[in-house]
Amino acid sequence: MYEDLARPRNVEKSIALFTGTGNPELSHKIANVLHQELSGLVLKKFANGEIYCRFDEPVRGDDVFFIQSVVGQNINDMLMEVLIAADAASRASCRTFTAVIPHYGYARQDRKAAAREPITARLVANLMEAAGVDRVITLDLHQGQIQGFFDIPVTHLTALELFAQYYKSKNFDWNNTVVVSPDVGRAKASKKLADMLNCSLAIAHKGRPKHNVSEVMAVIGDIEGKTCIINDDMIDTAGTLCGSVVKLKEMGAGKIYVCATHGLFTEPAIQRLTDAPTEEVLVTDTVPCYAANREGTKIKQISVARELAEAIHHVYVNEPTTEIFGGDLNL
């Protein structure tokens, strides 16, 4: 009986895909690209709001990939789901736990902008590592240096290639088109998009006439009469963005298009964007948006499922991720 146990055994690791409640539609798309099933995971709440998590099947020796956008009105619950799932998987002896986070919540708090403020993006990184996360796959962080908050590997992807492909299909006059960075901090990423589209770049300079309000004071570059593509990492309430669009129009801009990776669209963002003098607002599906792609709406949405699925596959088979569609742009 015990002699059989001493013989060499072929033990193969397996991939295990799970989803939180942050963006299950994107998780299903990713699973379809990988030709995998989303495995069973119980996520419930106790009567007092505490989150309960249990894996419905063994994950011992598996590479667990947990897909969760940390976003929405219950953003703190979304984060806790990641932490609790990581702890449960680690205690169930998984081989590795990879948090696939299309939208990394709390990324805007990446520095101390004023005295006695936290650096919450770093805090979230510490929490994930303490919970047992072995690797993070994410998309268009608010600032690229957030990767340095982690002592575990971070695969940082970008949607710029997807945006470039989308706009190339529109056959713009690229000699009369300019990518506009909404501020200096986004200039490097916007320059990458401008290079992909073979068009020029302009940078908006913002001032703050009063606390918590910003507006475009000047633009570095030529926008007069040109088709403008404003590129940003996220749209939240869209107040500053819509104010910038109006100001660009006053400065002589032609048609204005907007693209951002993460469409948070907290109220009253949709109405503001509808009323603003924009032709179209393009976002990805890192954040659910049920107003997108409907007849008569300006909100268009493209999927990052294939990009994230390829990243998961490359990590799983231990292949470099530098050749992934849209990756390694040194943002």
C-alpha atoms as a PDB file:
ATOM      1  CA  MET A   1       0.000   0.000   0.000  1.00  0.00           C
ATOM      2  CA  TYR A   2       2.667   2.499   1.069  1.00  0.00           C
ATOM      3  CA  GLU A   3       5.012   1.425  -1.736  1.00  0.00           C
ATOM      4  CA  ASP A   4       2.646   3.045  -4.259  1.00  0.00           C
ATOM      5  CA  LEU A   5       3.032   6.394  -2.528  1.00  0.00           C
ATOM      6  CA  ALA A   6       6.805   6.251  -2.955  1.00  0.00           C
ATOM      7  CA  ARG A   7       6.567   5.986  -6.745  1.00  0.00           C
ATOM      8  CA  PRO A   8       7.006   9.161  -8.867  1.00  0.00           C
ATOM      9  CA  ARG A   9       3.634  10.746  -9.539  1.00  0.00           C
ATOM     10  CA  ASN A  10       2.683  13.166 -12.297  1.00  0.00           C
ATOM     11  CA  VAL A  11       1.090  16.059 -10.448  1.00  0.00           C
ATOM     12  CA  GLU A  12       0.003  18.887 -12.723  1.00  0.00           C
ATOM     13  CA  LYS A  13      -0.949  22.312 -11.481  1.00  0.00           C
ATOM     14  CA  SER A  14      -4.162  23.779 -12.861  1.00  0.00           C
ATOM     15  CA  ILE A  15      -5.554  27.262 -13.425  1.00  0.00           C
ATOM     16  CA  ALA A  16      -8.520  28.321 -11.335  1.00  0.00           C
ATOM     17  CA  LEU A  17     -10.545  31.405 -12.301  1.00  0.00           C
ATOM     18  CA  PHE A  18     -12.807  33.104  -9.776  1.00  0.00           C
ATOM     19  CA  THR A  19     -14.735  36.353  -9.779  1.00  0.00           C
ATOM     20  CA  GLY A  20     -15.796  38.822  -7.153  1.00  0.00           C
ATOM     21  CA  THR A  21     -18.982  40.855  -7.371  1.00  0.00           C
ATOM     22  CA  GLY A  22     -17.309  44.013  -8.723  1.00  0.00           C
ATOM     23  CA  ASN A  23     -17.572  43.245 -12.447  1.00  0.00           C
ATOM     24  CA  PRO A  24     -18.809  39.679 -13.135  1.00  0.00           C
ATOM     25  CA  GLU A  25     -19.655  40.497 -16.765  1.00  0.00           C
ATOM     26  CA  LEU A  26     -15.998  41.251 -17.559  1.00  0.00           C
ATOM     27  CA  SER A  27     -14.944  38.131 -15.640  1.00  0.00           C
ATOM     28  CA  HIS A  28     -17.183  35.977 -17.840  1.00  0.00           C
ATOM     29  CA  LYS A  29     -15.708  37.578 -20.963  1.00  0.00           C
ATOM     30  CA  ILE A  30     -12.185  36.810 -19.739  1.00  0.00           C
ATOM     31  CA  ALA A  31     -13.160  33.210 -18.982  1.00  0.00           C
ATOM     32  CA  ASN A  32     -14.627  32.821 -22.474  1.00  0.00           C
ATOM     33  CA  VAL A  33     -11.410  34.074 -24.096  1.00  0.00           C
ATOM     34  CA  LEU A  34      -9.421  31.548 -22.044  1.00  0.00           C
ATOM     35  CA  HIS A  35     -11.948  28.763 -22.764  1.00  0.00           C
ATOM     36  CA  GLN A  36     -12.268  28.277 -19.020  1.00  0.00           C
ATOM     37  CA  GLU A  37     -15.142  28.098 -16.574  1.00  0.00           C
ATOM     38  CA  LEU A  38     -15.403  30.463 -13.646  1.00  0.00           C
ATOM     39  CA  SER A  39     -15.016  28.208 -10.638  1.00  0.00           C
ATOM     40  CA  GLY A  40     -17.336  28.166  -7.667  1.00  0.00           C
ATOM     41  CA  LEU A  41     -16.907  30.790  -4.971  1.00  0.00           C
ATOM     42  CA  VAL A  42     -19.447  31.622  -2.296  1.00  0.00           C
ATOM     43  CA  LEU A  43     -19.561  35.319  -1.389  1.00  0.00           C
ATOM     44  CA  LYS A  44     -22.240  36.291   1.081  1.00  0.00           C
ATOM     45  CA  LYS A  45     -22.881  38.841   3.789  1.00  0.00           C
ATOM     46  CA  PHE A  46     -23.822  38.275   7.373  1.00  0.00           C
ATOM     47  CA  ALA A  47     -26.726  40.284   8.749  1.00  0.00           C
ATOM     48  CA  ASN A  48     -24.333  42.911  10.115  1.00  0.00           C
ATOM     49  CA  GLY A  49     -22.640  43.394   6.723  1.00  0.00           C
ATOM     50  CA  GLU A  50     -19.530  41.246   7.276  1.00  0.00           C
ATOM     51  CA  ILE A  51     -18.406  39.372   4.157  1.00  0.00           C
ATOM     52  CA  TYR A  52     -18.290  35.568   4.094  1.00  0.00           C
ATOM     53  CA  CYS A  53     -16.181  33.722   1.521  1.00  0.00           C
ATOM     54  CA  ARG A  54     -15.707  30.031   0.788  1.00  0.00           C
ATOM     55  CA  PHE A  55     -14.249  28.183  -2.195  1.00  0.00           C
ATOM     56  CA  ASP A  56     -16.686  25.523  -3.384  1.00  0.00           C
ATOM     57  CA  GLU A  57     -13.901  23.265  -4.634  1.00  0.00           C
ATOM     58  CA  PRO A  58     -10.331  22.384  -3.624  1.00  0.00           C
ATOM     59  CA  VAL A  59      -7.637  24.846  -4.737  1.00  0.00           C
ATOM     60  CA  ARG A  60      -4.655  23.019  -3.213  1.00  0.00           C
ATOM     61  CA  GLY A  61      -1.712  23.403  -5.576  1.00  0.00           C
ATOM     62  CA  ASP A  62      -3.706  25.553  -8.006  1.00  0.00           C
ATOM     63  CA  ASP A  63      -2.817  28.911  -9.501  1.00  0.00           C
ATOM     64  CA  VAL A  64      -5.797  30.992  -8.412  1.00  0.00           C
ATOM     65  CA  PHE A  65      -6.733  34.086 -10.441  1.00  0.00           C
ATOM     66  CA  PHE A  66      -9.318  36.250  -8.699  1.00  0.00           C
ATOM     67  CA  ILE A  67     -10.879  38.899 -10.968  1.00  0.00           C
ATOM     68  CA  GLN A  68     -12.251  41.935  -9.201  1.00  0.00           C
ATOM     69  CA  SER A  69     -12.657  45.617 -10.046  1.00  0.00           C
ATOM     70  CA  VAL A  70     -12.369  47.655  -6.843  1.00  0.00           C
ATOM     71  CA  VAL A  71     -15.056  50.145  -7.760  1.00  0.00           C
ATOM     72  CA  GLY A  72     -18.655  51.194  -7.223  1.00  0.00           C
ATOM     73  CA  GLN A  73     -20.775  52.491  -4.385  1.00  0.00           C
ATOM     74  CA  ASN A  74     -19.653  49.506  -2.290  1.00  0.00           C
ATOM     75  CA  ILE A  75     -15.975  49.981  -3.123  1.00  0.00           C
ATOM     76  CA  ASN A  76     -14.847  48.986   0.357  1.00  0.00           C
ATOM     77  CA  ASP A  77     -16.748  45.699   0.072  1.00  0.00           C
ATOM     78  CA  MET A  78     -15.043  45.054  -3.266  1.00  0.00           C
ATOM     79  CA  LEU A  79     -11.641  45.521  -1.648  1.00  0.00           C
ATOM     80  CA  MET A  80     -12.554  43.296   1.285  1.00  0.00           C
ATOM     81  CA  GLU A  81     -13.634  40.551  -1.121  1.00  0.00           C
ATOM     82  CA  VAL A  82     -10.127  40.535  -2.594  1.00  0.00           C
ATOM     83  CA  LEU A  83      -8.503  40.372   0.831  1.00  0.00           C
ATOM     84  CA  ILE A  84     -10.828  37.693   2.224  1.00  0.00           C
ATOM     85  CA  ALA A  85     -10.607  35.546  -0.935  1.00  0.00           C
ATOM     86  CA  ALA A  86      -6.795  35.762  -0.837  1.00  0.00           C
ATOM     87  CA  ASP A  87      -6.760  34.685   2.790  1.00  0.00           C
ATOM     88  CA  ALA A  88      -9.159  31.806   2.143  1.00  0.00           C
ATOM     89  CA  ALA A  89      -7.170  30.570  -0.867  1.00  0.00           C
ATOM     90  CA  SER A  90      -3.870  30.779   0.995  1.00  0.00           C
ATOM     91  CA  ARG A  91      -5.273  28.824   3.929  1.00  0.00           C
ATOM     92  CA  ALA A  92      -6.599  26.255   1.424  1.00  0.00           C
ATOM     93  CA  SER A  93      -2.994  25.757   0.184  1.00  0.00           C
ATOM     94  CA  CYS A  94      -3.289  27.281  -3.273  1.00  0.00           C
ATOM     95  CA  ARG A  95       0.008  27.440  -5.166  1.00  0.00           C
ATOM     96  CA  THR A  96      -0.298  31.144  -6.029  1.00  0.00           C
ATOM     97  CA  PHE A  97      -2.984  33.802  -5.712  1.00  0.00           C
ATOM     98  CA  THR A  98      -3.099  36.473  -8.419  1.00  0.00           C
ATOM     99  CA  ALA A  99      -5.410  39.446  -7.961  1.00  0.00           C
ATOM    100  CA  VAL A 100      -6.612  40.597 -11.386  1.00  0.00           C
ATOM    101  CA  ILE A 101      -7.776  44.141 -10.680  1.00  0.00           C
ATOM    102  CA  PRO A 102      -8.942  45.928 -13.855  1.00  0.00           C
ATOM    103  CA  HIS A 103      -9.591  49.088 -11.827  1.00  0.00           C
ATOM    104  CA  TYR A 104      -7.378  49.650  -8.782  1.00  0.00           C
ATOM    105  CA  GLY A 105      -9.426  51.507  -6.196  1.00  0.00           C
ATOM    106  CA  TYR A 106      -7.888  54.257  -4.065  1.00  0.00           C
ATOM    107  CA  ALA A 107      -5.227  54.863  -6.743  1.00  0.00           C
ATOM    108  CA  ARG A 108      -5.852  58.621  -6.705  1.00  0.00           C
ATOM    109  CA  GLN A 109      -4.509  58.835  -3.158  1.00  0.00           C
ATOM    110  CA  ASP A 110      -0.963  58.009  -4.207  1.00  0.00           C
ATOM    111  CA  ARG A 111       0.866  60.834  -2.406  1.00  0.00           C
ATOM    112  CA  LYS A 112       0.461  63.379   0.362  1.00  0.00           C
ATOM    113  CA  ALA A 113      -0.959  66.436  -1.352  1.00  0.00           C
ATOM    114  CA  ALA A 114      -1.507  68.175   1.984  1.00  0.00           C
ATOM    115  CA  ALA A 115      -0.400  67.777   5.567  1.00  0.00           C
ATOM    116  CA  ARG A 116      -1.798  64.871   7.614  1.00  0.00           C
ATOM    117  CA  GLU A 117      -3.164  63.009   4.586  1.00  0.00           C
ATOM    118  CA  PRO A 118      -2.782  59.237   4.068  1.00  0.00           C
ATOM    119  CA  ILE A 119      -1.203  57.503   1.098  1.00  0.00           C
ATOM    120  CA  THR A 120      -4.063  55.081   0.650  1.00  0.00           C
ATOM    121  CA  ALA A 121      -2.804  53.496  -2.576  1.00  0.00           C
ATOM    122  CA  ARG A 122       0.188  52.244  -0.562  1.00  0.00           C
ATOM    123  CA  LEU A 123      -2.084  51.087   2.267  1.00  0.00           C
ATOM    124  CA  VAL A 124      -4.133  48.984  -0.173  1.00  0.00           C
ATOM    125  CA  ALA A 125      -0.930  47.419  -1.533  1.00  0.00           C
ATOM    126  CA  ASN A 126       0.172  46.525   2.006  1.00  0.00           C
ATOM    127  CA  LEU A 127      -3.227  44.999   2.780  1.00  0.00           C
ATOM    128  CA  MET A 128      -3.133  42.812  -0.334  1.00  0.00           C
ATOM    129  CA  GLU A 129       0.327  41.509   0.455  1.00  0.00           C
ATOM    130  CA  ALA A 130      -0.625  40.809   4.077  1.00  0.00           C
ATOM    131  CA  ALA A 131      -3.730  38.895   2.906  1.00  0.00           C
ATOM    132  CA  GLY A 132      -1.637  36.542   0.748  1.00  0.00           C
ATOM    133  CA  VAL A 133      -1.765  38.053  -2.749  1.00  0.00           C
ATOM    134  CA  ASP A 134       1.281  36.837  -4.723  1.00  0.00           C
ATOM    135  CA  ARG A 135       0.874  38.945  -7.866  1.00  0.00           C
ATOM    136  CA  VAL A 136      -1.294  41.772  -9.197  1.00  0.00           C
ATOM    137  CA  ILE A 137      -2.473  42.267 -12.777  1.00  0.00           C
ATOM    138  CA  THR A 138      -3.991  45.686 -13.344  1.00  0.00           C
ATOM    139  CA  LEU A 139      -4.729  48.248 -16.029  1.00  0.00           C
ATOM    140  CA  ASP A 140      -3.823  51.943 -16.327  1.00  0.00           C
ATOM    141  CA  LEU A 141      -2.998  52.876 -12.767  1.00  0.00           C
ATOM    142  CA  HIS A 142      -3.578  56.518 -11.902  1.00  0.00           C
ATOM    143  CA  GLN A 143       0.202  56.831 -11.608  1.00  0.00           C
ATOM    144  CA  GLY A 144       2.654  54.200 -12.801  1.00  0.00           C
ATOM    145  CA  GLN A 145       4.812  54.512  -9.692  1.00  0.00           C
ATOM    146  CA  ILE A 146       2.072  52.804  -7.661  1.00  0.00           C
ATOM    147  CA  GLN A 147       3.745  49.584  -8.845  1.00  0.00           C
ATOM    148  CA  GLY A 148       6.570  50.502  -6.481  1.00  0.00           C
ATOM    149  CA  PHE A 149       4.211  50.335  -3.514  1.00  0.00           C
ATOM    150  CA  PHE A 150       4.223  46.539  -3.901  1.00  0.00           C
ATOM    151  CA  ASP A 151       6.960  44.081  -2.959  1.00  0.00           C
ATOM    152  CA  ILE A 152       5.300  41.466  -5.182  1.00  0.00           C
ATOM    153  CA  PRO A 153       5.229  41.382  -9.023  1.00  0.00           C
ATOM    154  CA  VAL A 154       2.797  43.790 -10.695  1.00  0.00           C
ATOM    155  CA  THR A 155       1.793  43.379 -14.337  1.00  0.00           C
ATOM    156  CA  HIS A 156       0.694  46.844 -15.446  1.00  0.00           C
ATOM    157  CA  LEU A 157      -1.226  46.938 -18.732  1.00  0.00           C
ATOM    158  CA  THR A 158      -2.638  49.852 -20.687  1.00  0.00           C
ATOM    159  CA  ALA A 159      -5.651  50.390 -22.933  1.00  0.00           C
ATOM    160  CA  LEU A 160      -3.869  52.870 -25.212  1.00  0.00           C
ATOM    161  CA  GLU A 161      -3.450  50.320 -28.004  1.00  0.00           C
ATOM    162  CA  LEU A 162      -7.176  49.598 -27.906  1.00  0.00           C
ATOM    163  CA  PHE A 163      -7.975  53.299 -28.128  1.00  0.00           C
ATOM    164  CA  ALA A 164      -5.553  53.699 -31.023  1.00  0.00           C
ATOM    165  CA  GLN A 165      -7.151  50.839 -32.951  1.00  0.00           C
ATOM    166  CA  TYR A 166     -10.614  52.266 -32.342  1.00  0.00           C
ATOM    167  CA  TYR A 167      -9.759  55.748 -33.592  1.00  0.00           C
ATOM    168  CA  LYS A 168      -7.795  54.437 -36.581  1.00  0.00           C
ATOM    169  CA  SER A 169     -10.992  52.778 -37.746  1.00  0.00           C
ATOM    170  CA  LYS A 170     -12.645  56.217 -37.919  1.00  0.00           C
ATOM    171  CA  ASN A 171     -10.262  57.435 -40.623  1.00  0.00           C
ATOM    172  CA  PHE A 172      -9.680  60.872 -39.174  1.00  0.00           C
ATOM    173  CA  ASP A 173      -7.542  63.398 -41.004  1.00  0.00           C
ATOM    174  CA  TRP A 174      -4.486  62.782 -38.844  1.00  0.00           C
ATOM    175  CA  ASN A 175      -2.757  65.927 -40.087  1.00  0.00           C
ATOM    176  CA  ASN A 176      -5.641  67.871 -38.570  1.00  0.00           C
ATOM    177  CA  THR A 177      -5.999  65.825 -35.364  1.00  0.00           C
ATOM    178  CA  VAL A 178      -4.396  66.360 -31.964  1.00  0.00           C
ATOM    179  CA  VAL A 179      -4.333  64.281 -28.794  1.00  0.00           C
ATOM    180  CA  VAL A 180      -4.889  66.555 -25.802  1.00  0.00           C
ATOM    181  CA  SER A 181      -3.495  65.688 -22.399  1.00  0.00           C
ATOM    182  CA  PRO A 182      -5.881  67.050 -19.721  1.00  0.00           C
ATOM    183  CA  ASP A 183      -2.922  67.996 -17.522  1.00  0.00           C
ATOM    184  CA  VAL A 184       0.845  67.686 -17.321  1.00  0.00           C
ATOM    185  CA  GLY A 185       0.652  64.453 -15.346  1.00  0.00           C
ATOM    186  CA  ARG A 186      -1.060  62.641 -18.227  1.00  0.00           C
ATOM    187  CA  ALA A 187       1.257  64.071 -20.904  1.00  0.00           C
ATOM    188  CA  LYS A 188       3.496  61.003 -21.251  1.00  0.00           C
ATOM    189  CA  ALA A 189       0.602  58.602 -21.806  1.00  0.00           C
ATOM    190  CA  SER A 190      -1.080  61.039 -24.217  1.00  0.00           C
ATOM    191  CA  LYS A 191       2.184  61.310 -26.158  1.00  0.00           C
ATOM    192  CA  LYS A 192       2.196  57.522 -26.538  1.00  0.00           C
ATOM    193  CA  LEU A 193      -1.338  57.646 -27.964  1.00  0.00           C
ATOM    194  CA  ALA A 194      -0.400  60.504 -30.298  1.00  0.00           C
ATOM    195  CA  ASP A 195       2.576  58.476 -31.575  1.00  0.00           C
ATOM    196  CA  MET A 196       0.340  55.465 -32.203  1.00  0.00           C
ATOM    197  CA  LEU A 197      -2.055  57.646 -34.194  1.00  0.00           C
ATOM    198  CA  ASN A 198       0.747  59.567 -35.922  1.00  0.00           C
ATOM    199  CA  CYS A 199      -0.724  62.911 -34.935  1.00  0.00           C
ATOM    200  CA  SER A 200       0.325  65.889 -32.819  1.00  0.00           C
ATOM    201  CA  LEU A 201       0.070  66.463 -29.065  1.00  0.00           C
ATOM    202  CA  ALA A 202      -1.257  69.358 -26.984  1.00  0.00           C
ATOM    203  CA  ILE A 203      -1.110  69.750 -23.205  1.00  0.00           C
ATOM    204  CA  ALA A 204      -3.701  71.625 -21.170  1.00  0.00           C
ATOM    205  CA  HIS A 205      -2.422  73.744 -18.306  1.00  0.00           C
ATOM    206  CA  LYS A 206      -4.882  73.899 -15.434  1.00  0.00           C
ATOM    207  CA  GLY A 207      -5.238  76.443 -12.678  1.00  0.00           C
ATOM    208  CA  ARG A 208      -7.282  76.366  -9.491  1.00  0.00           C
ATOM    209  CA  PRO A 209      -9.279  79.578  -9.068  1.00  0.00           C
ATOM    210  CA  LYS A 210     -10.667  78.190  -5.803  1.00  0.00           C
ATOM    211  CA  HIS A 211     -10.386  75.073  -3.663  1.00  0.00           C
ATOM    212  CA  ASN A 212     -11.424  71.773  -5.311  1.00  0.00           C
ATOM    213  CA  VAL A 213     -12.083  73.498  -8.647  1.00  0.00           C
ATOM    214  CA  SER A 214      -9.766  73.386 -11.655  1.00  0.00           C
ATOM    215  CA  GLU A 215     -10.050  74.865 -15.114  1.00  0.00           C
ATOM    216  CA  VAL A 216      -7.961  75.102 -18.257  1.00  0.00           C
ATOM    217  CA  MET A 217      -5.932  78.313 -18.237  1.00  0.00           C
ATOM    218  CA  ALA A 218      -3.857  77.711 -21.366  1.00  0.00           C
ATOM    219  CA  VAL A 219      -2.992  75.029 -23.918  1.00  0.00           C
ATOM    220  CA  ILE A 220       0.516  74.142 -25.054  1.00  0.00           C
ATOM    221  CA  GLY A 221       0.156  73.214 -28.719  1.00  0.00           C
ATOM    222  CA  ASP A 222      -2.087  74.004 -31.674  1.00  0.00           C
ATOM    223  CA  ILE A 223      -5.747  72.986 -31.333  1.00  0.00           C
ATOM    224  CA  GLU A 224      -7.491  75.662 -33.399  1.00  0.00           C
ATOM    225  CA  GLY A 225      -9.868  74.072 -35.893  1.00  0.00           C
ATOM    226  CA  LYS A 226      -8.481  70.595 -35.180  1.00  0.00           C
ATOM    227  CA  THR A 227     -10.179  67.387 -34.100  1.00  0.00           C
ATOM    228  CA  CYS A 228      -9.187  66.886 -30.464  1.00  0.00           C
ATOM    229  CA  ILE A 229      -8.938  63.559 -28.620  1.00  0.00           C
ATOM    230  CA  ILE A 230      -8.747  64.106 -24.860  1.00  0.00           C
ATOM    231  CA  ASN A 231      -7.112  61.129 -23.144  1.00  0.00           C
ATOM    232  CA  ASP A 232      -7.310  60.422 -19.407  1.00  0.00           C
ATOM    233  CA  ASP A 233      -7.099  57.423 -17.087  1.00  0.00           C
ATOM    234  CA  MET A 234     -10.540  57.842 -15.496  1.00  0.00           C
ATOM    235  CA  ILE A 235     -13.740  59.867 -15.529  1.00  0.00           C
ATOM    236  CA  ASP A 236     -15.510  60.261 -12.197  1.00  0.00           C
ATOM    237  CA  THR A 237     -18.085  63.056 -11.892  1.00  0.00           C
ATOM    238  CA  ALA A 238     -16.860  64.584 -15.210  1.00  0.00           C
ATOM    239  CA  GLY A 239     -17.095  68.122 -13.810  1.00  0.00           C
ATOM    240  CA  THR A 240     -13.497  69.117 -14.531  1.00  0.00           C
ATOM    241  CA  LEU A 241     -13.512  67.238 -17.850  1.00  0.00           C
ATOM    242  CA  CYS A 242     -16.640  68.975 -19.137  1.00  0.00           C
ATOM    243  CA  GLY A 243     -15.279  72.331 -18.026  1.00  0.00           C
ATOM    244  CA  SER A 244     -12.112  71.606 -19.998  1.00  0.00           C
ATOM    245  CA  VAL A 245     -14.128  70.661 -23.087  1.00  0.00           C
ATOM    246  CA  VAL A 246     -16.030  73.944 -22.964  1.00  0.00           C
ATOM    247  CA  LYS A 247     -12.791  75.879 -22.539  1.00  0.00           C
ATOM    248  CA  LEU A 248     -11.162  74.082 -25.495  1.00  0.00           C
ATOM    249  CA  LYS A 249     -14.150  74.971 -27.630  1.00  0.00           C
ATOM    250  CA  GLU A 250     -13.783  78.596 -26.632  1.00  0.00           C
ATOM    251  CA  MET A 251     -10.133  78.400 -27.695  1.00  0.00           C
ATOM    252  CA  GLY A 252     -11.156  77.302 -31.180  1.00  0.00           C
ATOM    253  CA  ALA A 253     -11.011  73.503 -31.042  1.00  0.00           C
ATOM    254  CA  GLY A 254     -12.922  71.541 -33.680  1.00  0.00           C
ATOM    255  CA  LYS A 255     -14.729  68.304 -32.854  1.00  0.00           C
ATOM    256  CA  ILE A 256     -13.812  66.908 -29.447  1.00  0.00           C
ATOM    257  CA  TYR A 257     -13.609  63.215 -28.578  1.00  0.00           C
ATOM    258  CA  VAL A 258     -12.847  61.867 -25.117  1.00  0.00           C
ATOM    259  CA  CYS A 259     -11.322  58.530 -24.135  1.00  0.00           C
ATOM    260  CA  ALA A 260     -10.572  57.177 -20.664  1.00  0.00           C
ATOM    261  CA  THR A 261      -9.799  53.682 -19.428  1.00  0.00           C
ATOM    262  CA  HIS A 262     -12.028  53.743 -16.357  1.00  0.00           C
ATOM    263  CA  GLY A 263     -15.508  55.220 -16.682  1.00  0.00           C
ATOM    264  CA  LEU A 264     -16.612  55.559 -13.065  1.00  0.00           C
ATOM    265  CA  PHE A 265     -19.456  57.917 -14.015  1.00  0.00           C
ATOM    266  CA  THR A 266     -20.697  58.851 -10.568  1.00  0.00           C
ATOM    267  CA  GLU A 267     -23.677  61.195 -10.627  1.00  0.00           C
ATOM    268  CA  PRO A 268     -24.168  63.507 -12.442  1.00  0.00           C
ATOM    269  CA  ALA A 269     -21.409  62.449 -14.876  1.00  0.00           C
ATOM    270  CA  ILE A 270     -23.634  60.939 -17.587  1.00  0.00           C
ATOM    271  CA  GLN A 271     -25.833  64.032 -17.792  1.00  0.00           C
ATOM    272  CA  ARG A 272     -22.831  66.351 -17.829  1.00  0.00           C
ATOM    273  CA  LEU A 273     -21.224  64.401 -20.664  1.00  0.00           C
ATOM    274  CA  THR A 274     -24.503  64.354 -22.573  1.00  0.00           C
ATOM    275  CA  ASP A 275     -24.800  68.121 -22.318  1.00  0.00           C
ATOM    276  CA  ALA A 276     -21.128  68.851 -23.060  1.00  0.00           C
ATOM    277  CA  PRO A 277     -20.003  69.727 -26.628  1.00  0.00           C
ATOM    278  CA  THR A 278     -18.315  66.358 -27.167  1.00  0.00           C
ATOM    279  CA  GLU A 279     -18.851  64.036 -30.114  1.00  0.00           C
ATOM    280  CA  GLU A 280     -18.224  60.819 -28.203  1.00  0.00           C
ATOM    281  CA  VAL A 281     -16.883  59.475 -24.908  1.00  0.00           C
ATOM    282  CA  LEU A 282     -14.995  56.187 -25.179  1.00  0.00           C
ATOM    283  CA  VAL A 283     -14.281  53.996 -22.120  1.00  0.00           C
ATOM    284  CA  THR A 284     -13.428  50.356 -21.450  1.00  0.00           C
ATOM    285  CA  ASP A 285     -15.381  47.764 -19.484  1.00  0.00           C
ATOM    286  CA  THR A 286     -13.071  47.754 -16.442  1.00  0.00           C
ATOM    287  CA  VAL A 287     -16.046  49.399 -14.735  1.00  0.00           C
ATOM    288  CA  PRO A 288     -19.652  48.348 -15.508  1.00  0.00           C
ATOM    289  CA  CYS A 289     -21.545  51.024 -17.419  1.00  0.00           C
ATOM    290  CA  TYR A 290     -25.085  50.173 -18.416  1.00  0.00           C
ATOM    291  CA  ALA A 291     -25.550  53.470 -20.254  1.00  0.00           C
ATOM    292  CA  ALA A 292     -22.849  52.608 -22.802  1.00  0.00           C
ATOM    293  CA  ASN A 293     -23.418  51.557 -26.416  1.00  0.00           C
ATOM    294  CA  ARG A 294     -27.112  52.377 -26.344  1.00  0.00           C
ATOM    295  CA  GLU A 295     -28.852  54.141 -29.188  1.00  0.00           C
ATOM    296  CA  GLY A 296     -28.511  57.883 -28.905  1.00  0.00           C
ATOM    297  CA  THR A 297     -25.857  57.866 -26.181  1.00  0.00           C
ATOM    298  CA  LYS A 298     -22.416  59.452 -26.451  1.00  0.00           C
ATOM    299  CA  ILE A 299     -20.919  56.768 -24.207  1.00  0.00           C
ATOM    300  CA  LYS A 300     -19.138  54.018 -26.143  1.00  0.00           C
ATOM    301  CA  GLN A 301     -17.459  51.069 -24.487  1.00  0.00           C
ATOM    302  CA  ILE A 302     -14.805  48.628 -25.708  1.00  0.00           C
ATOM    303  CA  SER A 303     -13.642  45.500 -23.901  1.00  0.00           C
ATOM    304  CA  VAL A 304     -10.276  44.796 -22.306  1.00  0.00           C
ATOM    305  CA  ALA A 305     -11.185  41.127 -21.737  1.00  0.00           C
ATOM    306  CA  ARG A 306      -8.752  39.766 -24.330  1.00  0.00           C
ATOM    307  CA  GLU A 307      -5.862  41.850 -23.015  1.00  0.00           C
ATOM    308  CA  LEU A 308      -6.455  40.702 -19.436  1.00  0.00           C
ATOM    309  CA  ALA A 309      -6.988  37.104 -20.558  1.00  0.00           C
ATOM    310  CA  GLU A 310      -3.661  37.127 -22.390  1.00  0.00           C
ATOM    311  CA  ALA A 311      -1.945  38.503 -19.292  1.00  0.00           C
ATOM    312  CA  ILE A 312      -3.454  35.718 -17.175  1.00  0.00           C
ATOM    313  CA  HIS A 313      -2.314  33.110 -19.697  1.00  0.00           C
ATOM    314  CA  HIS A 314       1.229  34.482 -19.898  1.00  0.00           C
ATOM    315  CA  VAL A 315       1.555  34.572 -16.119  1.00  0.00           C
ATOM    316  CA  TYR A 316       0.147  31.060 -15.808  1.00  0.00           C
ATOM    317  CA  VAL A 317       2.588  29.524 -18.314  1.00  0.00           C
ATOM    318  CA  ASN A 318       5.503  31.670 -17.083  1.00  0.00           C
ATOM    319  CA  GLU A 319       5.956  33.581 -20.320  1.00  0.00           C
ATOM    320  CA  PRO A 320       6.990  37.274 -20.571  1.00  0.00           C
ATOM    321  CA  THR A 321       4.131  39.756 -20.581  1.00  0.00           C
ATOM    322  CA  THR A 322       6.035  42.440 -22.513  1.00  0.00           C
ATOM    323  CA  GLU A 323       4.535  41.402 -25.839  1.00  0.00           C
ATOM    324  CA  ILE A 324       0.943  41.462 -24.634  1.00  0.00           C
ATOM    325  CA  PHE A 325      -1.330  43.694 -26.663  1.00  0.00           C
ATOM    326  CA  GLY A 326      -0.956  47.135 -25.147  1.00  0.00           C
ATOM    327  CA  GLY A 327       1.663  46.232 -22.548  1.00  0.00           C
ATOM    328  CA  ASP A 328       5.128  47.486 -21.636  1.00  0.00           C
ATOM    329  CA  LEU A 329       4.706  51.089 -22.729  1.00  0.00           C
ATOM    330  CA  ASN A 330       6.785  52.370 -19.787  1.00  0.00           C
ATOM    331  CA  LEU A 331       4.080  54.784 -18.674  1.00  0.00           C
END
